[in-house]
C-alpha atoms as a PDB file:
ATOM      1  CA  MET A   1     162.995 166.355 106.244  1.00  0.00           C
ATOM      2  CA  LYS A   2     160.679 164.793 103.477  1.00  0.00           C
ATOM      3  CA  GLY A   3     160.782 165.079 100.024  1.00  0.00           C
ATOM      4  CA  ASN A   4     163.891 166.513  97.633  1.00  0.00           C
ATOM      5  CA  VAL A   5     166.268 165.083 100.070  1.00  0.00           C
ATOM      6  CA  THR A   6     169.440 164.579  98.884  1.00  0.00           C
ATOM      7  CA  ILE A   7     172.991 162.462  99.284  1.00  0.00           C
ATOM      8  CA  ARG A   8     174.819 165.565 101.044  1.00  0.00           C
ATOM      9  CA  ASP A   9     171.894 166.395 103.281  1.00  0.00           C
ATOM     10  CA  VAL A  10     172.325 162.555 104.723  1.00  0.00           C
ATOM     11  CA  ALA A  11     175.977 163.031 104.536  1.00  0.00           C
ATOM     12  CA  ARG A  12     175.732 166.510 106.446  1.00  0.00           C
ATOM     13  CA  SER A  13     173.060 164.715 109.289  1.00  0.00           C
ATOM     14  CA  ALA A  14     175.636 161.959 109.890  1.00  0.00           C
ATOM     15  CA  GLU A  15     178.662 164.580 109.873  1.00  0.00           C
ATOM     16  CA  VAL A  16     180.365 162.539 107.522  1.00  0.00           C
ATOM     17  CA  SER A  17     181.766 162.825 103.538  1.00  0.00           C
ATOM     18  CA  VAL A  18     179.247 163.076 100.866  1.00  0.00           C
ATOM     19  CA  GLY A  19     181.414 160.103  99.701  1.00  0.00           C
ATOM     20  CA  THR A  20     181.714 157.949 102.481  1.00  0.00           C
ATOM     21  CA  ALA A  21     177.899 158.664 102.769  1.00  0.00           C
ATOM     22  CA  SER A  22     177.710 157.059  98.690  1.00  0.00           C
ATOM     23  CA  ARG A  23     179.493 154.275  99.832  1.00  0.00           C
ATOM     24  CA  VAL A  24     176.705 153.130 102.927  1.00  0.00           C
ATOM     25  CA  ILE A  25     174.217 153.293 100.365  1.00  0.00           C
ATOM     26  CA  ASN A  26     175.473 151.239  97.755  1.00  0.00           C
ATOM     27  CA  GLY A  27     176.672 148.473 100.545  1.00  0.00           C
ATOM     28  CA  LYS A  28     180.084 148.521 100.249  1.00  0.00           C
ATOM     29  CA  ALA A  29     182.284 147.352 103.307  1.00  0.00           C
ATOM     30  CA  THR A  30     184.744 149.894 103.516  1.00  0.00           C
ATOM     31  CA  VAL A  31     183.050 151.816 105.702  1.00  0.00           C
ATOM     32  CA  GLY A  32     183.284 150.996 109.517  1.00  0.00           C
ATOM     33  CA  ALA A  33     180.547 150.137 112.085  1.00  0.00           C
ATOM     34  CA  ASP A  34     179.735 153.055 113.691  1.00  0.00           C
ATOM     35  CA  VAL A  35     179.752 155.335 110.684  1.00  0.00           C
ATOM     36  CA  ARG A  36     177.316 153.342 108.641  1.00  0.00           C
ATOM     37  CA  GLY A  37     175.283 153.496 111.980  1.00  0.00           C
ATOM     38  CA  ARG A  38     175.153 156.931 111.830  1.00  0.00           C
ATOM     39  CA  VAL A  39     174.743 157.194 108.184  1.00  0.00           C
ATOM     40  CA  LEU A  40     171.736 154.919 107.784  1.00  0.00           C
ATOM     41  CA  LYS A  41     170.095 156.775 111.190  1.00  0.00           C
ATOM     42  CA  ALA A  42     170.876 159.642 108.872  1.00  0.00           C
ATOM     43  CA  ILE A  43     168.637 157.686 106.195  1.00  0.00           C
ATOM     44  CA  GLU A  44     165.700 156.736 108.372  1.00  0.00           C
ATOM     45  CA  ALA A  45     165.246 160.276 110.196  1.00  0.00           C
ATOM     46  CA  LEU A  46     165.098 162.081 107.149  1.00  0.00           C
ATOM     47  CA  GLY A  47     163.438 159.599 104.903  1.00  0.00           C
ATOM     48  CA  TYR A  48     165.813 159.518 102.559  1.00  0.00           C
ATOM     49  CA  ARG A  49     165.029 157.355  99.831  1.00  0.00           C
ATOM     50  CA  PRO A  50     168.223 156.354  96.600  1.00  0.00           C
ATOM     51  CA  ASP A  51     167.128 156.511  92.921  1.00  0.00           C
ATOM     52  CA  ALA A  52     167.206 153.186  92.665  1.00  0.00           C
ATOM     53  CA  ILE A  53     166.884 153.850  88.333  1.00  0.00           C
ATOM     54  CA  ALA A  54     169.195 156.363  88.382  1.00  0.00           C
ATOM     55  CA  GLN A  55     172.169 154.657  90.579  1.00  0.00           C
ATOM     56  CA  SER A  56     171.819 151.616  88.286  1.00  0.00           C
ATOM     57  CA  MET A  57     172.406 154.012  85.207  1.00  0.00           C
ATOM     58  CA  ARG A  58     175.513 155.472  86.662  1.00  0.00           C
ATOM     59  CA  ARG A  59     177.118 151.834  87.848  1.00  0.00           C
ATOM     60  CA  GLY A  60     175.711 150.233  84.533  1.00  0.00           C
ATOM     61  CA  SER A  61     173.258 147.226  84.328  1.00  0.00           C
ATOM     62  CA  THR A  62     174.575 143.876  84.694  1.00  0.00           C
ATOM     63  CA  HIS A  63     171.311 142.280  83.950  1.00  0.00           C
ATOM     64  CA  VAL A  64     171.755 140.402  86.909  1.00  0.00           C
ATOM     65  CA  ILE A  65     168.562 140.173  89.587  1.00  0.00           C
ATOM     66  CA  GLY A  66     169.080 139.385  92.821  1.00  0.00           C
ATOM     67  CA  CYS A  67     166.516 137.015  94.697  1.00  0.00           C
ATOM     68  CA  VAL A  68     166.327 136.579  98.332  1.00  0.00           C
ATOM     69  CA  ILE A  69     164.027 133.275 100.488  1.00  0.00           C
ATOM     70  CA  ARG A  70     163.703 131.526 102.958  1.00  0.00           C
ATOM     71  CA  ASP A  71     164.911 127.907 101.515  1.00  0.00           C
ATOM     72  CA  ILE A  72     164.754 126.622  97.853  1.00  0.00           C
ATOM     73  CA  ASN A  73     164.117 123.206  98.996  1.00  0.00           C
ATOM     74  CA  ILE A  74     161.167 123.834 100.092  1.00  0.00           C
ATOM     75  CA  PRO A  75     158.886 123.029  96.781  1.00  0.00           C
ATOM     76  CA  SER A  76     156.605 126.031  96.479  1.00  0.00           C
ATOM     77  CA  LEU A  77     159.619 128.400  96.402  1.00  0.00           C
ATOM     78  CA  ALA A  78     161.142 126.448  93.889  1.00  0.00           C
ATOM     79  CA  ALA A  79     157.910 126.878  91.506  1.00  0.00           C
ATOM     80  CA  PHE A  80     158.389 130.440  92.428  1.00  0.00           C
ATOM     81  CA  VAL A  81     161.894 131.055  91.390  1.00  0.00           C
ATOM     82  CA  HIS A  82     161.129 129.160  88.341  1.00  0.00           C
ATOM     83  CA  ALA A  83     158.428 131.218  86.930  1.00  0.00           C
ATOM     84  CA  ALA A  84     160.180 134.194  87.800  1.00  0.00           C
ATOM     85  CA  HIS A  85     163.344 132.916  86.181  1.00  0.00           C
ATOM     86  CA  ASN A  86     161.000 132.070  83.497  1.00  0.00           C
ATOM     87  CA  VAL A  87     159.820 135.838  82.893  1.00  0.00           C
ATOM     88  CA  LEU A  88     163.612 137.212  83.498  1.00  0.00           C
ATOM     89  CA  ASP A  89     165.334 135.027  81.286  1.00  0.00           C
ATOM     90  CA  ARG A  90     162.724 136.144  78.501  1.00  0.00           C
ATOM     91  CA  ALA A  91     163.789 139.519  78.512  1.00  0.00           C
ATOM     92  CA  GLY A  92     167.637 138.534  78.493  1.00  0.00           C
ATOM     93  CA  PHE A  93     167.828 138.643  82.705  1.00  0.00           C
ATOM     94  CA  SER A  94     170.383 136.572  84.763  1.00  0.00           C
ATOM     95  CA  LEU A  95     168.450 135.157  88.177  1.00  0.00           C
ATOM     96  CA  LEU A  96     170.717 134.617  91.302  1.00  0.00           C
ATOM     97  CA  VAL A  97     168.898 133.347  94.074  1.00  0.00           C
ATOM     98  CA  SER A  98     170.444 133.157  98.015  1.00  0.00           C
ATOM     99  CA  ASN A  99     168.905 131.482 100.722  1.00  0.00           C
ATOM    100  CA  SER A 100     168.615 133.140 104.126  1.00  0.00           C
ATOM    101  CA  GLU A 101     167.634 130.777 106.458  1.00  0.00           C
ATOM    102  CA  GLY A 102     164.999 132.539 107.635  1.00  0.00           C
ATOM    103  CA  ARG A 103     168.023 134.749 109.723  1.00  0.00           C
ATOM    104  CA  GLU A 104     167.692 138.196 109.186  1.00  0.00           C
ATOM    105  CA  ASP A 105     171.171 138.772 109.845  1.00  0.00           C
ATOM    106  CA  ARG A 106     171.628 136.180 106.767  1.00  0.00           C
ATOM    107  CA  GLU A 107     169.366 138.262 104.946  1.00  0.00           C
ATOM    108  CA  ARG A 108     171.001 141.348 105.618  1.00  0.00           C
ATOM    109  CA  GLU A 109     174.661 140.247 104.103  1.00  0.00           C
ATOM    110  CA  LEU A 110     172.929 138.261 101.112  1.00  0.00           C
ATOM    111  CA  LEU A 111     171.199 141.817 100.280  1.00  0.00           C
ATOM    112  CA  MET A 112     174.321 143.784 100.956  1.00  0.00           C
ATOM    113  CA  ARG A 113     176.344 141.104  98.802  1.00  0.00           C
ATOM    114  CA  LEU A 114     173.585 141.257  95.766  1.00  0.00           C
ATOM    115  CA  ASN A 115     174.449 145.498  95.932  1.00  0.00           C
ATOM    116  CA  SER A 116     178.000 145.312  95.702  1.00  0.00           C
ATOM    117  CA  GLN A 117     177.527 142.989  92.929  1.00  0.00           C
ATOM    118  CA  ARG A 118     175.477 145.714  91.612  1.00  0.00           C
ATOM    119  CA  SER A 119     172.075 143.618  90.959  1.00  0.00           C
ATOM    120  CA  ASP A 120     169.869 145.352  88.596  1.00  0.00           C
ATOM    121  CA  GLY A 121     166.733 144.543  90.851  1.00  0.00           C
ATOM    122  CA  ILE A 122     165.981 142.378  94.377  1.00  0.00           C
ATOM    123  CA  MET A 123     163.077 140.134  94.911  1.00  0.00           C
ATOM    124  CA  ILE A 124     162.899 139.608  98.716  1.00  0.00           C
ATOM    125  CA  GLY A 125     160.340 137.679 100.913  1.00  0.00           C
ATOM    126  CA  PRO A 126     162.379 138.194 104.215  1.00  0.00           C
ATOM    127  CA  TYR A 127     161.133 135.913 106.868  1.00  0.00           C
ATOM    128  CA  THR A 128     161.699 137.941 109.856  1.00  0.00           C
ATOM    129  CA  ALA A 129     159.433 141.159 110.771  1.00  0.00           C
ATOM    130  CA  MET A 130     159.883 144.126 109.211  1.00  0.00           C
ATOM    131  CA  THR A 131     161.852 146.724 112.045  1.00  0.00           C
ATOM    132  CA  PRO A 132     162.587 150.183 111.441  1.00  0.00           C
ATOM    133  CA  ALA A 133     165.908 149.317 110.972  1.00  0.00           C
ATOM    134  CA  PHE A 134     165.484 146.649 108.398  1.00  0.00           C
ATOM    135  CA  ASP A 135     163.447 148.962 106.448  1.00  0.00           C
ATOM    136  CA  THR A 136     166.305 151.613 106.705  1.00  0.00           C
ATOM    137  CA  PHE A 137     168.524 149.340 105.279  1.00  0.00           C
ATOM    138  CA  LEU A 138     166.462 148.357 102.629  1.00  0.00           C
ATOM    139  CA  ARG A 139     165.947 152.272 101.829  1.00  0.00           C
ATOM    140  CA  SER A 140     169.455 152.015 101.608  1.00  0.00           C
ATOM    141  CA  LEU A 141     170.247 149.797  98.689  1.00  0.00           C
ATOM    142  CA  GLY A 142     170.648 151.023  95.336  1.00  0.00           C
ATOM    143  CA  ALA A 143     168.026 148.874  93.186  1.00  0.00           C
ATOM    144  CA  PRO A 144     164.938 148.936  93.156  1.00  0.00           C
ATOM    145  CA  ILE A 145     162.853 146.071  95.434  1.00  0.00           C
ATOM    146  CA  VAL A 146     159.922 143.730  95.004  1.00  0.00           C
ATOM    147  CA  MET A 147     158.432 142.221  98.352  1.00  0.00           C
ATOM    148  CA  VAL A 148     157.122 138.626  98.177  1.00  0.00           C
ATOM    149  CA  ASP A 149     154.590 138.234 100.283  1.00  0.00           C
ATOM    150  CA  ARG A 150     155.052 140.772 102.603  1.00  0.00           C
ATOM    151  CA  ASP A 151     153.172 144.477 102.949  1.00  0.00           C
ATOM    152  CA  GLU A 152     155.895 146.216 104.233  1.00  0.00           C
ATOM    153  CA  PRO A 153     157.533 148.341 103.538  1.00  0.00           C
ATOM    154  CA  PRO A 154     154.712 150.557 102.128  1.00  0.00           C
ATOM    155  CA  TRP A 155     156.969 152.163  99.643  1.00  0.00           C
ATOM    156  CA  ALA A 156     158.043 149.361  98.028  1.00  0.00           C
ATOM    157  CA  ASP A 157     156.629 146.997  95.207  1.00  0.00           C
ATOM    158  CA  ALA A 158     155.019 144.013  96.577  1.00  0.00           C
ATOM    159  CA  VAL A 159     153.497 140.997  95.476  1.00  0.00           C
ATOM    160  CA  MET A 160     150.746 139.685  98.140  1.00  0.00           C
ATOM    161  CA  VAL A 161     148.975 136.463  98.303  1.00  0.00           C
ATOM    162  CA  ASP A 162     145.034 136.864  99.741  1.00  0.00           C
ATOM    163  CA  HIS A 163     145.341 134.564 102.666  1.00  0.00           C
ATOM    164  CA  ALA A 164     142.868 137.029 104.764  1.00  0.00           C
ATOM    165  CA  GLY A 165     140.205 135.362 101.848  1.00  0.00           C
ATOM    166  CA  ALA A 166     141.204 131.881 101.822  1.00  0.00           C
ATOM    167  CA  THR A 167     141.499 131.368 105.532  1.00  0.00           C
ATOM    168  CA  ARG A 168     137.987 133.160 105.933  1.00  0.00           C
ATOM    169  CA  LYS A 169     136.588 130.479 103.040  1.00  0.00           C
ATOM    170  CA  ALA A 170     137.970 127.666 105.276  1.00  0.00           C
ATOM    171  CA  THR A 171     137.021 128.336 108.664  1.00  0.00           C
ATOM    172  CA  SER A 172     133.872 129.045 107.128  1.00  0.00           C
ATOM    173  CA  ARG A 173     133.321 125.813 105.673  1.00  0.00           C
ATOM    174  CA  LEU A 174     134.544 124.420 108.664  1.00  0.00           C
ATOM    175  CA  ILE A 175     131.735 126.186 110.813  1.00  0.00           C
ATOM    176  CA  ASP A 176     129.119 125.453 108.008  1.00  0.00           C
ATOM    177  CA  LEU A 177     129.869 121.348 108.832  1.00  0.00           C
ATOM    178  CA  GLY A 178     128.941 122.121 112.561  1.00  0.00           C
ATOM    179  CA  HIS A 179     132.404 122.785 114.206  1.00  0.00           C
ATOM    180  CA  GLN A 180     132.711 125.881 116.428  1.00  0.00           C
ATOM    181  CA  ARG A 181     135.795 124.830 118.425  1.00  0.00           C
ATOM    182  CA  ILE A 182     138.510 125.637 115.707  1.00  0.00           C
ATOM    183  CA  ALA A 183     142.126 126.030 116.113  1.00  0.00           C
ATOM    184  CA  LEU A 184     144.538 128.435 114.115  1.00  0.00           C
ATOM    185  CA  LEU A 185     147.815 127.381 114.174  1.00  0.00           C
ATOM    186  CA  THR A 186     150.354 130.097 112.043  1.00  0.00           C
ATOM    187  CA  GLY A 187     153.201 132.210 112.616  1.00  0.00           C
ATOM    188  CA  GLY A 188     153.949 135.380 114.668  1.00  0.00           C
ATOM    189  CA  PRO A 189     151.535 137.899 113.877  1.00  0.00           C
ATOM    190  CA  SER A 190     154.049 140.637 112.543  1.00  0.00           C
ATOM    191  CA  ILE A 191     154.760 138.943 109.168  1.00  0.00           C
ATOM    192  CA  TYR A 192     152.045 139.410 106.707  1.00  0.00           C
ATOM    193  CA  PRO A 193     150.952 135.742 105.710  1.00  0.00           C
ATOM    194  CA  ALA A 194     150.219 135.075 109.652  1.00  0.00           C
ATOM    195  CA  ARG A 195     148.235 138.181 110.399  1.00  0.00           C
ATOM    196  CA  GLU A 196     145.657 138.109 107.426  1.00  0.00           C
ATOM    197  CA  ARG A 197     145.322 134.437 108.343  1.00  0.00           C
ATOM    198  CA  ILE A 198     144.213 135.978 111.917  1.00  0.00           C
ATOM    199  CA  ARG A 199     142.279 138.266 109.914  1.00  0.00           C
ATOM    200  CA  GLY A 200     140.455 135.818 107.318  1.00  0.00           C
ATOM    201  CA  PHE A 201     140.015 133.527 111.006  1.00  0.00           C
ATOM    202  CA  THR A 202     138.309 136.005 113.136  1.00  0.00           C
ATOM    203  CA  GLU A 203     136.173 137.415 110.532  1.00  0.00           C
ATOM    204  CA  ALA A 204     134.453 134.176 109.244  1.00  0.00           C
ATOM    205  CA  PHE A 205     133.209 133.868 113.352  1.00  0.00           C
ATOM    206  CA  GLU A 206     131.949 137.123 113.066  1.00  0.00           C
ATOM    207  CA  ILE A 207     130.440 136.493 109.623  1.00  0.00           C
ATOM    208  CA  LYS A 208     128.550 133.474 111.084  1.00  0.00           C
ATOM    209  CA  ASN A 209     127.605 135.182 114.099  1.00  0.00           C
ATOM    210  CA  VAL A 210     129.930 132.427 115.874  1.00  0.00           C
ATOM    211  CA  ALA A 211     131.604 132.643 119.170  1.00  0.00           C
ATOM    212  CA  LEU A 212     135.216 132.996 119.119  1.00  0.00           C
ATOM    213  CA  ASP A 213     137.668 131.428 121.522  1.00  0.00           C
ATOM    214  CA  ARG A 214     140.908 133.631 121.289  1.00  0.00           C
ATOM    215  CA  THR A 215     142.915 130.500 123.082  1.00  0.00           C
ATOM    216  CA  LEU A 216     142.536 128.899 120.053  1.00  0.00           C
ATOM    217  CA  ILE A 217     144.915 131.124 117.721  1.00  0.00           C
ATOM    218  CA  ARG A 218     148.224 130.084 118.266  1.00  0.00           C
ATOM    219  CA  ALA A 219     151.014 132.668 116.133  1.00  0.00           C
ATOM    220  CA  ASN A 220     153.573 130.991 117.088  1.00  0.00           C
ATOM    221  CA  SER A 221     155.985 130.460 114.785  1.00  0.00           C
ATOM    222  CA  PHE A 222     155.715 128.703 110.801  1.00  0.00           C
ATOM    223  CA  LEU A 223     158.164 125.479 111.560  1.00  0.00           C
ATOM    224  CA  SER A 224     156.707 122.103 111.964  1.00  0.00           C
ATOM    225  CA  PRO A 225     158.232 121.182 115.253  1.00  0.00           C
ATOM    226  CA  GLU A 226     156.323 124.801 116.853  1.00  0.00           C
ATOM    227  CA  SER A 227     153.141 123.013 115.313  1.00  0.00           C
ATOM    228  CA  PHE A 228     153.625 119.537 117.079  1.00  0.00           C
ATOM    229  CA  ARG A 229     154.161 121.118 120.438  1.00  0.00           C
ATOM    230  CA  GLN A 230     151.238 123.516 119.572  1.00  0.00           C
ATOM    231  CA  THR A 231     148.386 120.905 118.319  1.00  0.00           C
ATOM    232  CA  SER A 232     150.066 118.352 121.186  1.00  0.00           C
ATOM    233  CA  ALA A 233     149.324 120.889 124.270  1.00  0.00           C
ATOM    234  CA  LEU A 234     145.581 121.934 122.134  1.00  0.00           C
ATOM    235  CA  LEU A 235     144.594 118.430 122.018  1.00  0.00           C
ATOM    236  CA  ALA A 236     145.398 117.512 125.719  1.00  0.00           C
ATOM    237  CA  ALA A 237     143.629 120.484 126.512  1.00  0.00           C
ATOM    238  CA  LYS A 238     140.021 119.675 128.597  1.00  0.00           C
ATOM    239  CA  ASP A 239     138.062 121.065 125.876  1.00  0.00           C
ATOM    240  CA  PRO A 240     139.954 120.251 122.933  1.00  0.00           C
ATOM    241  CA  PRO A 241     139.248 121.789 118.901  1.00  0.00           C
ATOM    242  CA  THR A 242     137.079 119.727 116.437  1.00  0.00           C
ATOM    243  CA  ALA A 243     139.140 121.823 113.724  1.00  0.00           C
ATOM    244  CA  ILE A 244     142.711 122.941 113.166  1.00  0.00           C
ATOM    245  CA  ILE A 245     143.918 125.102 110.534  1.00  0.00           C
ATOM    246  CA  ALA A 246     147.364 125.072 109.681  1.00  0.00           C
ATOM    247  CA  GLY A 247     148.229 128.271 108.702  1.00  0.00           C
ATOM    248  CA  GLY A 248     151.492 127.491 106.779  1.00  0.00           C
ATOM    249  CA  ILE A 249     153.066 124.756 104.433  1.00  0.00           C
ATOM    250  CA  ASP A 250     155.717 124.313 106.857  1.00  0.00           C
ATOM    251  CA  MET A 251     153.065 122.954 109.520  1.00  0.00           C
ATOM    252  CA  LEU A 252     151.157 120.280 108.551  1.00  0.00           C
ATOM    253  CA  ALA A 253     153.523 118.065 109.221  1.00  0.00           C
ATOM    254  CA  GLY A 254     153.692 118.409 112.508  1.00  0.00           C
ATOM    255  CA  VAL A 255     150.174 118.704 113.343  1.00  0.00           C
ATOM    256  CA  ILE A 256     149.329 115.604 111.554  1.00  0.00           C
ATOM    257  CA  ARG A 257     152.344 113.973 113.620  1.00  0.00           C
ATOM    258  CA  ALA A 258     150.528 115.130 116.841  1.00  0.00           C
ATOM    259  CA  ILE A 259     147.306 113.749 116.188  1.00  0.00           C
ATOM    260  CA  ARG A 260     148.899 110.728 115.714  1.00  0.00           C
ATOM    261  CA  VAL A 261     150.861 110.782 118.508  1.00  0.00           C
ATOM    262  CA  ARG A 262     146.991 111.646 120.267  1.00  0.00           C
ATOM    263  CA  GLY A 263     145.641 107.987 118.730  1.00  0.00           C
ATOM    264  CA  LEU A 264     143.365 110.319 117.007  1.00  0.00           C
ATOM    265  CA  THR A 265     142.035 110.417 113.414  1.00  0.00           C
ATOM    266  CA  ILE A 266     141.206 112.094 110.485  1.00  0.00           C
ATOM    267  CA  PRO A 267     138.341 113.186 109.752  1.00  0.00           C
ATOM    268  CA  ASP A 268     136.815 110.996 112.060  1.00  0.00           C
ATOM    269  CA  ASP A 269     138.376 112.415 115.115  1.00  0.00           C
ATOM    270  CA  ILE A 270     139.041 116.151 114.153  1.00  0.00           C
ATOM    271  CA  SER A 271     138.942 118.317 110.940  1.00  0.00           C
ATOM    272  CA  LEU A 272     142.017 119.396 109.537  1.00  0.00           C
ATOM    273  CA  ILE A 273     142.255 122.053 106.876  1.00  0.00           C
ATOM    274  CA  GLY A 274     146.242 123.311 105.654  1.00  0.00           C
ATOM    275  CA  ALA A 275     147.596 126.174 103.700  1.00  0.00           C
ATOM    276  CA  GLY A 276     149.542 125.755 100.459  1.00  0.00           C
ATOM    277  CA  ASP A 277     149.266 122.498  98.475  1.00  0.00           C
ATOM    278  CA  SER A 278     151.984 119.783  98.827  1.00  0.00           C
ATOM    279  CA  GLU A 279     152.978 116.227  97.846  1.00  0.00           C
ATOM    280  CA  LEU A 280     151.758 115.765 101.940  1.00  0.00           C
ATOM    281  CA  ALA A 281     148.653 116.980 101.465  1.00  0.00           C
ATOM    282  CA  GLU A 282     148.126 115.516  98.156  1.00  0.00           C
ATOM    283  CA  LEU A 283     149.307 112.007  99.302  1.00  0.00           C
ATOM    284  CA  HIS A 284     148.141 111.667 102.798  1.00  0.00           C
ATOM    285  CA  MET A 285     145.583 109.213 103.616  1.00  0.00           C
ATOM    286  CA  PRO A 286     142.547 110.837 103.925  1.00  0.00           C
ATOM    287  CA  ALA A 287     144.186 113.251 101.321  1.00  0.00           C
ATOM    288  CA  ILE A 288     144.054 117.062 103.566  1.00  0.00           C
ATOM    289  CA  SER A 289     142.098 119.874 102.279  1.00  0.00           C
ATOM    290  CA  VAL A 290     144.008 122.520 101.914  1.00  0.00           C
ATOM    291  CA  GLN A 291     143.928 126.956 100.712  1.00  0.00           C
ATOM    292  CA  HIS A 292     145.725 126.818  97.676  1.00  0.00           C
ATOM    293  CA  TRP A 293     147.373 129.541  95.464  1.00  0.00           C
ATOM    294  CA  ASP A 294     149.699 129.264  92.546  1.00  0.00           C
ATOM    295  CA  GLN A 295     153.631 130.182  93.316  1.00  0.00           C
ATOM    296  CA  GLY A 296     154.059 130.035  90.183  1.00  0.00           C
ATOM    297  CA  GLU A 297     151.922 133.374  89.284  1.00  0.00           C
ATOM    298  CA  VAL A 298     153.766 134.769  92.417  1.00  0.00           C
ATOM    299  CA  GLY A 299     156.940 134.667  90.675  1.00  0.00           C
ATOM    300  CA  ALA A 300     155.711 135.978  87.360  1.00  0.00           C
ATOM    301  CA  ALA A 301     154.016 138.797  88.551  1.00  0.00           C
ATOM    302  CA  ALA A 302     156.888 139.625  91.271  1.00  0.00           C
ATOM    303  CA  ALA A 303     159.332 139.389  88.236  1.00  0.00           C
ATOM    304  CA  SER A 304     157.111 141.320  85.434  1.00  0.00           C
ATOM    305  CA  LEU A 305     156.511 144.373  88.102  1.00  0.00           C
ATOM    306  CA  LEU A 306     160.459 144.394  88.836  1.00  0.00           C
ATOM    307  CA  LEU A 307     161.094 144.656  85.052  1.00  0.00           C
ATOM    308  CA  ALA A 308     158.791 147.315  84.624  1.00  0.00           C
ATOM    309  CA  ARG A 309     160.475 149.551  87.669  1.00  0.00           C
ATOM    310  CA  ILE A 310     163.881 148.874  85.937  1.00  0.00           C
ATOM    311  CA  ARG A 311     162.768 149.863  82.616  1.00  0.00           C
ATOM    312  CA  GLN A 312     160.757 152.962  84.235  1.00  0.00           C
ATOM    313  CA  VAL A 313     157.218 152.124  82.882  1.00  0.00           C
ATOM    314  CA  ALA A 314     155.566 151.737  86.271  1.00  0.00           C
ATOM    315  CA  SER A 315     153.838 154.208  88.058  1.00  0.00           C
ATOM    316  CA  ASP A 316     156.062 155.985  90.396  1.00  0.00           C
ATOM    317  CA  GLU A 317     153.636 155.026  93.675  1.00  0.00           C
ATOM    318  CA  PRO A 318     154.392 151.588  94.950  1.00  0.00           C
ATOM    319  CA  GLN A 319     152.470 148.570  92.751  1.00  0.00           C
ATOM    320  CA  HIS A 320     151.169 145.991  95.106  1.00  0.00           C
ATOM    321  CA  ILE A 321     149.581 142.976  93.450  1.00  0.00           C
ATOM    322  CA  LEU A 322     147.187 140.467  95.461  1.00  0.00           C
ATOM    323  CA  VAL A 323     147.710 136.530  93.618  1.00  0.00           C
ATOM    324  CA  ARG A 324     144.102 134.970  94.942  1.00  0.00           C
ATOM    325  CA  SER A 325     144.140 131.796  96.694  1.00  0.00           C
ATOM    326  CA  GLU A 326     140.681 129.308  96.803  1.00  0.00           C
ATOM    327  CA  LEU A 327     140.191 125.816  99.077  1.00  0.00           C
ATOM    328  CA  ILE A 328     140.833 122.466  97.542  1.00  0.00           C
ATOM    329  CA  GLU A 329     138.849 120.283  99.268  1.00  0.00           C
ATOM    330  CA  ARG A 330     139.723 116.921  99.888  1.00  0.00           C
ATOM    331  CA  ASP A 331     138.505 114.009 102.583  1.00  0.00           C
ATOM    332  CA  SER A 332     139.698 115.633 106.199  1.00  0.00           C
ATOM    333  CA  THR A 333     137.029 117.552 107.030  1.00  0.00           C
ATOM    334  CA  SER A 334     133.640 116.517 108.345  1.00  0.00           C
ATOM    335  CA  ALA A 335     130.832 117.359 110.472  1.00  0.00           C
ATOM    336  CA  PRO A 336     132.152 116.821 114.540  1.00  0.00           C
ATOM    337  CA  ARG A 337     131.759 114.077 116.653  1.00  0.00           C
ATOM    338  CA  GLN A 338     130.019 114.099 119.706  1.00  0.00           C
ATOM    339  CA  ARG A 339     132.302 115.295 122.944  1.00  0.00           C
ATOM    340  CA  SER A 340     131.511 112.402 124.238  1.00  0.00           C
ATOM    341  CA  SER A 341     133.001 110.625 121.332  1.00  0.00           C
ATOM    342  CA  LEU A 342     136.357 112.212 121.278  1.00  0.00           C
END
C-alpha cells in the first residue's frame, strides 16, 4: 500500500493504538522494543512517510537543527559544521552536533534523541551502509532530513560530492604518466563515496583502453590501520602497483606509513594521490596530490536545503545537489620506474 497511507493504517497493521504508533514515529522512549518493531515493520510494508512539516507545525518550532557526523575532530567535518552553522545562524536557527563514532547503533540513539528533543530538521552522513531497517527508521523520524554525501535513501534530500569524477581524473592522470598497475584503496562499496570512487576508477581504465587488474581494488575500510594493512600487502606482492589512490581522507596516513616501512620513496618508487585535502597532504615531503572538494560548500548547501524544506519552499520531489571535486596536483606523482628498479 503506497500513496495516502495514514498513521491509522500503520496502527491497524501493527495492531496497536494510533497513540502508540504516534509515539514510535516521534521517537518516544516509552514504547517497548516488540511494539516498536511491529510499528516499524508496518511503516516499511505500507510505505508510510510521516508528514515532517505537519508534525513540526503541530509540535511547534524549536529553531534547532540536529547534525549527526562521525567525528567533529576530523578537520574536513569541522569545516562542514562551521559552514552549516553560519547559514543556520543567519536564519535564526541553532545547530546541535553529535558524534556517532561510525556506529549504526550510536547513530540511531542520537537520531532518536534529536527527534525527542523536537529538532526542526536533521543532517546526517551515516558511516554505516543503508539497510532496509535503517531506511525504515529514518522514515519514522518526525523531522525533515538531509543526507550528507550519501545517495540513499532515495526519498531524502541529499548533498553529495562528485567522487566518481574526481577519481576518474586522478586515475586518468596516472595512466597518462605511464602507470597501468594502479591500486585503489577505499571503503566498503555499500557506501556512496566508495562506490562512486570505484566507478570513476574503472571508467578511467575503460576510457583509456587500458586493462584493469581488479585485484588492485581494495574496498574494505576508510580507516588508517586498514589502509596500512592493504598497502603493505599490495607492496609485498610479486607484481606490486606503481601508483596508489588513497580513496578516503583518513587512509592517507596508513598508506604513507606502509610505503615508508617498505623502504620506498614517493614519487620515485611509487606515485600517490589522496582523496580530500589535509595538512598531512600539504606538509608531507613531497606534498601529496589530492582530489579536493569544498566541505564548506557541502555544509552550506545541506543547511540551505534543510531550511528550504522546513519553510516549505522546496519541491515535493527529493532534492539532490552534487558538489564538484577537482584534482590538485603537487609533487607525489611521476612516470613509473622500470620494474627492475623496484
